[in-house]
């Protein structure tokens, strides 16, 4: 199984209304220190691929910046808010409240 497939398998387990971090996904897949690779994997999820990529955020509980337009960041926030995830005034998610596992 490729690293990306291992990450996707884990991310599919994140329940609606919860988030995990790139680093946590890397550790769970047996690849500690490869948070950036998890980010690349989430960016590569095909449309309709069944991987809830939007549930993965950075270690500060923030949506990571993407190169190019901000549409992806806006879309991610809207998807999370639709699931009941709340952001503070600084755009952060309380990982103690909404984090998984």
N, C-alpha and C. Protein backbone atom coordinates (compact mmCIF):
# COMPACT_ATOMS: atom_id res chain seq x y z
N UNK A 1 0.85 -1.18 0.00
CA UNK A 1 0.00 0.00 0.00
C UNK A 1 0.89 1.24 0.00
N UNK A 2 0.58 2.18 -0.86
CA UNK A 2 1.36 3.42 -0.92
C UNK A 2 1.10 4.27 0.32
N UNK A 3 2.02 5.19 0.59
CA UNK A 3 1.83 6.09 1.72
C UNK A 3 0.53 6.87 1.57
N UNK A 4 0.26 7.35 0.37
CA UNK A 4 -0.97 8.12 0.16
C UNK A 4 -2.19 7.28 0.50
N UNK A 5 -2.21 6.04 0.06
CA UNK A 5 -3.35 5.17 0.33
C UNK A 5 -3.50 4.93 1.84
N UNK A 6 -2.39 4.80 2.54
CA UNK A 6 -2.43 4.64 4.00
C UNK A 6 -3.03 5.88 4.65
N UNK A 7 -2.64 7.05 4.18
CA UNK A 7 -3.19 8.30 4.72
C UNK A 7 -4.69 8.37 4.43
N UNK A 8 -5.07 8.04 3.22
CA UNK A 8 -6.49 8.11 2.84
C UNK A 8 -7.32 7.17 3.71
N UNK A 9 -6.80 5.98 3.97
CA UNK A 9 -7.53 5.00 4.79
C UNK A 9 -7.79 5.58 6.18
N UNK A 10 -6.81 6.25 6.76
CA UNK A 10 -6.96 6.84 8.08
C UNK A 10 -7.93 8.01 8.04
N UNK A 11 -7.78 8.89 7.07
CA UNK A 11 -8.64 10.08 6.98
C UNK A 11 -10.10 9.68 6.79
N UNK A 12 -10.37 8.59 6.10
CA UNK A 12 -11.75 8.12 5.93
C UNK A 12 -12.40 7.75 7.27
N UNK A 13 -11.59 7.50 8.30
CA UNK A 13 -12.12 7.14 9.62
C UNK A 13 -12.47 8.35 10.47
N UNK A 14 -12.05 9.55 10.08
CA UNK A 14 -12.35 10.75 10.87
C UNK A 14 -13.86 11.01 10.77
N UNK A 15 -14.56 11.03 11.90
CA UNK A 15 -16.00 11.25 11.85
C UNK A 15 -16.36 12.69 11.47
N UNK A 16 -17.52 12.85 10.91
CA UNK A 16 -18.04 14.19 10.61
C UNK A 16 -18.05 15.01 11.90
N UNK A 17 -17.68 16.27 11.78
CA UNK A 17 -17.67 17.17 12.93
C UNK A 17 -16.40 17.09 13.75
N UNK A 18 -15.43 16.32 13.28
CA UNK A 18 -14.14 16.20 13.96
C UNK A 18 -13.03 16.48 12.96
N UNK A 19 -11.85 16.80 13.46
CA UNK A 19 -10.69 17.05 12.61
C UNK A 19 -9.48 16.33 13.18
N UNK A 20 -8.49 16.13 12.34
CA UNK A 20 -7.20 15.62 12.77
C UNK A 20 -6.14 16.50 12.13
N UNK A 21 -4.91 16.30 12.54
CA UNK A 21 -3.82 17.11 11.99
C UNK A 21 -2.99 16.30 11.02
N UNK A 22 -2.26 17.01 10.17
CA UNK A 22 -1.38 16.36 9.21
C UNK A 22 -0.37 15.46 9.95
N UNK A 23 0.19 15.99 11.03
CA UNK A 23 1.17 15.22 11.80
C UNK A 23 0.59 13.99 12.44
N UNK A 24 -0.63 14.10 12.97
CA UNK A 24 -1.27 12.94 13.59
C UNK A 24 -1.55 11.85 12.56
N UNK A 25 -1.98 12.24 11.39
CA UNK A 25 -2.24 11.27 10.32
C UNK A 25 -0.94 10.57 9.94
N UNK A 26 0.14 11.33 9.80
CA UNK A 26 1.44 10.74 9.47
C UNK A 26 1.87 9.73 10.54
N UNK A 27 1.72 10.10 11.81
CA UNK A 27 2.10 9.18 12.90
C UNK A 27 1.26 7.92 12.88
N UNK A 28 -0.07 8.07 12.71
CA UNK A 28 -0.94 6.90 12.69
C UNK A 28 -0.61 5.96 11.53
N UNK A 29 -0.09 6.51 10.45
CA UNK A 29 0.26 5.70 9.28
C UNK A 29 1.66 5.09 9.41
N UNK A 30 2.34 5.39 10.53
CA UNK A 30 3.69 4.87 10.73
C UNK A 30 4.77 5.68 10.05
N UNK A 31 4.46 6.94 9.74
CA UNK A 31 5.42 7.82 9.07
C UNK A 31 5.58 9.13 9.85
N UNK A 32 6.02 9.05 11.11
CA UNK A 32 6.17 10.29 11.89
C UNK A 32 7.11 11.25 11.18
N UNK A 33 6.81 12.53 11.31
CA UNK A 33 7.64 13.55 10.70
C UNK A 33 7.32 13.83 9.24
N UNK A 34 6.29 13.20 8.72
CA UNK A 34 5.94 13.41 7.31
C UNK A 34 4.61 14.15 7.13
N UNK A 35 4.38 15.11 8.00
CA UNK A 35 3.13 15.89 7.92
C UNK A 35 2.99 16.56 6.56
N UNK A 36 4.08 17.06 6.03
CA UNK A 36 4.03 17.74 4.73
C UNK A 36 3.57 16.76 3.64
N UNK A 37 4.03 15.52 3.72
CA UNK A 37 3.61 14.52 2.74
C UNK A 37 2.10 14.26 2.84
N UNK A 38 1.57 14.28 4.06
CA UNK A 38 0.13 14.14 4.23
C UNK A 38 -0.59 15.30 3.54
N UNK A 39 -0.04 16.50 3.68
CA UNK A 39 -0.61 17.66 3.00
C UNK A 39 -0.64 17.48 1.49
N UNK A 40 0.45 16.97 0.94
CA UNK A 40 0.48 16.71 -0.50
C UNK A 40 -0.56 15.66 -0.88
N UNK A 41 -0.70 14.64 -0.04
CA UNK A 41 -1.69 13.59 -0.31
C UNK A 41 -3.11 14.15 -0.29
N UNK A 42 -3.40 15.05 0.66
CA UNK A 42 -4.74 15.62 0.74
C UNK A 42 -5.01 16.51 -0.48
N UNK A 43 -3.99 17.20 -0.95
CA UNK A 43 -4.14 18.05 -2.14
C UNK A 43 -4.36 17.21 -3.39
N UNK A 44 -3.92 15.94 -3.35
CA UNK A 44 -4.03 15.07 -4.52
C UNK A 44 -5.29 14.21 -4.53
N UNK A 45 -6.15 14.36 -3.50
CA UNK A 45 -7.38 13.56 -3.47
C UNK A 45 -8.22 13.90 -4.69
N UNK A 46 -8.60 12.88 -5.47
CA UNK A 46 -9.43 13.17 -6.63
C UNK A 46 -10.84 13.58 -6.21
N UNK A 47 -11.44 14.47 -6.97
CA UNK A 47 -12.82 14.90 -6.71
C UNK A 47 -13.70 13.65 -6.67
N UNK A 48 -14.52 13.54 -5.64
CA UNK A 48 -15.39 12.38 -5.50
C UNK A 48 -14.66 11.13 -5.06
N UNK A 49 -13.45 11.28 -4.52
CA UNK A 49 -12.65 10.13 -4.12
C UNK A 49 -13.04 9.52 -2.79
N UNK A 50 -14.01 10.10 -2.10
CA UNK A 50 -14.47 9.53 -0.85
C UNK A 50 -13.54 9.74 0.33
N UNK A 51 -12.61 10.67 0.20
CA UNK A 51 -11.68 10.97 1.28
C UNK A 51 -12.04 12.36 1.81
N UNK A 52 -12.47 12.45 3.07
CA UNK A 52 -12.86 13.76 3.62
C UNK A 52 -11.63 14.62 3.96
N UNK A 53 -10.92 15.02 2.94
CA UNK A 53 -9.68 15.81 3.06
C UNK A 53 -9.87 17.06 3.90
N UNK A 54 -11.09 17.59 3.90
CA UNK A 54 -11.35 18.84 4.60
C UNK A 54 -11.24 18.70 6.11
N UNK A 55 -11.21 17.48 6.62
CA UNK A 55 -11.13 17.24 8.06
C UNK A 55 -9.70 17.20 8.57
N UNK A 56 -8.74 17.54 7.74
CA UNK A 56 -7.34 17.54 8.15
C UNK A 56 -6.84 18.99 8.15
N UNK A 57 -6.32 19.41 9.31
CA UNK A 57 -5.86 20.78 9.51
C UNK A 57 -4.44 20.77 10.08
N UNK A 58 -3.85 21.93 10.22
CA UNK A 58 -2.49 21.96 10.76
C UNK A 58 -2.49 21.83 12.29
N UNK A 59 -1.30 21.73 12.85
CA UNK A 59 -1.15 21.49 14.29
C UNK A 59 -1.67 22.62 15.16
N UNK A 60 -1.87 23.79 14.59
CA UNK A 60 -2.43 24.92 15.34
C UNK A 60 -3.95 24.95 15.25
N UNK A 61 -4.53 23.98 14.57
CA UNK A 61 -5.99 23.96 14.41
C UNK A 61 -6.46 24.92 13.34
N UNK A 62 -5.57 25.24 12.41
CA UNK A 62 -5.91 26.18 11.34
C UNK A 62 -5.97 25.46 10.00
N UNK A 63 -6.73 26.03 9.11
CA UNK A 63 -6.72 25.57 7.73
C UNK A 63 -5.43 26.07 7.11
N UNK A 64 -4.68 25.16 6.52
CA UNK A 64 -3.40 25.55 5.93
C UNK A 64 -3.60 26.34 4.65
N UNK A 65 -2.74 27.29 4.44
CA UNK A 65 -2.77 28.11 3.23
C UNK A 65 -2.42 27.25 2.02
N UNK A 66 -3.06 27.55 0.93
CA UNK A 66 -2.77 26.86 -0.32
C UNK A 66 -2.22 27.86 -1.32
N UNK A 67 -1.40 27.37 -2.21
CA UNK A 67 -0.90 28.26 -3.26
C UNK A 67 -2.03 28.54 -4.23
N UNK A 68 -1.96 29.66 -4.88
CA UNK A 68 -3.02 30.02 -5.82
C UNK A 68 -4.15 30.74 -5.12
N UNK A 69 -5.38 30.42 -5.49
CA UNK A 69 -6.53 31.12 -4.94
C UNK A 69 -6.86 30.64 -3.54
N UNK A 70 -7.68 31.41 -2.86
CA UNK A 70 -8.12 31.07 -1.50
C UNK A 70 -9.43 30.28 -1.52
N UNK A 71 -9.90 29.91 -2.70
CA UNK A 71 -11.16 29.19 -2.79
C UNK A 71 -11.13 27.87 -2.03
N UNK A 72 -10.00 27.16 -2.08
CA UNK A 72 -9.88 25.89 -1.37
C UNK A 72 -10.00 26.06 0.12
N UNK A 73 -9.38 27.10 0.65
CA UNK A 73 -9.46 27.37 2.08
C UNK A 73 -10.88 27.72 2.50
N UNK A 74 -11.52 28.54 1.70
CA UNK A 74 -12.90 28.94 1.98
C UNK A 74 -13.82 27.71 1.93
N UNK A 75 -13.61 26.88 0.91
CA UNK A 75 -14.43 25.67 0.77
C UNK A 75 -14.23 24.73 1.96
N UNK A 76 -12.98 24.57 2.39
CA UNK A 76 -12.69 23.70 3.53
C UNK A 76 -13.40 24.22 4.78
N UNK A 77 -13.33 25.51 5.01
CA UNK A 77 -13.99 26.07 6.20
C UNK A 77 -15.50 25.86 6.13
N UNK A 78 -16.09 26.10 4.97
CA UNK A 78 -17.54 25.91 4.83
C UNK A 78 -17.94 24.47 5.06
N UNK A 79 -17.15 23.52 4.55
CA UNK A 79 -17.45 22.10 4.76
C UNK A 79 -17.38 21.75 6.23
N UNK A 80 -16.36 22.25 6.92
CA UNK A 80 -16.22 21.97 8.35
C UNK A 80 -17.34 22.62 9.16
N UNK A 81 -17.66 23.86 8.85
CA UNK A 81 -18.74 24.53 9.58
C UNK A 81 -20.07 23.81 9.35
N UNK A 82 -20.30 23.28 8.16
CA UNK A 82 -21.54 22.54 7.88
C UNK A 82 -21.63 21.28 8.73
N UNK A 83 -20.48 20.77 9.17
CA UNK A 83 -20.45 19.58 10.03
C UNK A 83 -20.49 19.96 11.51
N UNK A 84 -20.54 21.25 11.82
CA UNK A 84 -20.63 21.70 13.20
C UNK A 84 -19.31 22.08 13.83
N UNK A 85 -18.22 22.06 13.07
CA UNK A 85 -16.92 22.47 13.61
C UNK A 85 -16.93 23.99 13.73
N UNK A 86 -16.49 24.47 14.89
CA UNK A 86 -16.48 25.91 15.15
C UNK A 86 -15.06 26.47 15.12
N UNK A 87 -14.96 27.68 14.61
CA UNK A 87 -13.69 28.40 14.54
C UNK A 87 -13.75 29.57 15.50
N UNK A 88 -12.60 29.88 16.12
CA UNK A 88 -12.56 31.07 16.98
C UNK A 88 -12.33 32.31 16.10
N UNK A 89 -12.22 33.46 16.73
CA UNK A 89 -12.06 34.70 15.98
C UNK A 89 -10.76 34.77 15.19
N UNK A 90 -9.78 33.95 15.57
CA UNK A 90 -8.51 33.91 14.85
C UNK A 90 -8.51 32.84 13.76
N UNK A 91 -9.65 32.18 13.54
CA UNK A 91 -9.74 31.16 12.51
C UNK A 91 -9.19 29.82 12.92
N UNK A 92 -9.11 29.58 14.22
CA UNK A 92 -8.59 28.31 14.73
C UNK A 92 -9.71 27.43 15.26
N UNK A 93 -9.45 26.14 15.17
CA UNK A 93 -10.36 25.12 15.71
C UNK A 93 -9.78 24.65 17.03
N UNK A 94 -10.61 24.50 18.05
CA UNK A 94 -10.17 23.99 19.34
C UNK A 94 -9.97 22.47 19.17
N UNK A 95 -8.72 22.04 19.09
CA UNK A 95 -8.43 20.62 18.86
C UNK A 95 -8.83 19.76 20.06
N UNK A 96 -8.88 20.35 21.26
CA UNK A 96 -9.34 19.58 22.42
C UNK A 96 -10.81 19.24 22.30
N UNK A 97 -11.58 20.11 21.66
CA UNK A 97 -13.02 19.90 21.50
C UNK A 97 -13.36 19.13 20.23
N UNK A 98 -12.66 19.41 19.13
CA UNK A 98 -13.02 18.85 17.84
C UNK A 98 -11.99 17.88 17.26
N UNK A 99 -10.89 17.67 17.98
CA UNK A 99 -9.84 16.82 17.47
C UNK A 99 -10.18 15.33 17.51
N UNK A 100 -9.56 14.60 16.61
CA UNK A 100 -9.70 13.15 16.53
C UNK A 100 -8.34 12.57 16.26
N UNK A 101 -7.95 11.48 16.77
CA UNK A 101 -8.61 10.70 17.82
C UNK A 101 -8.41 11.31 19.17
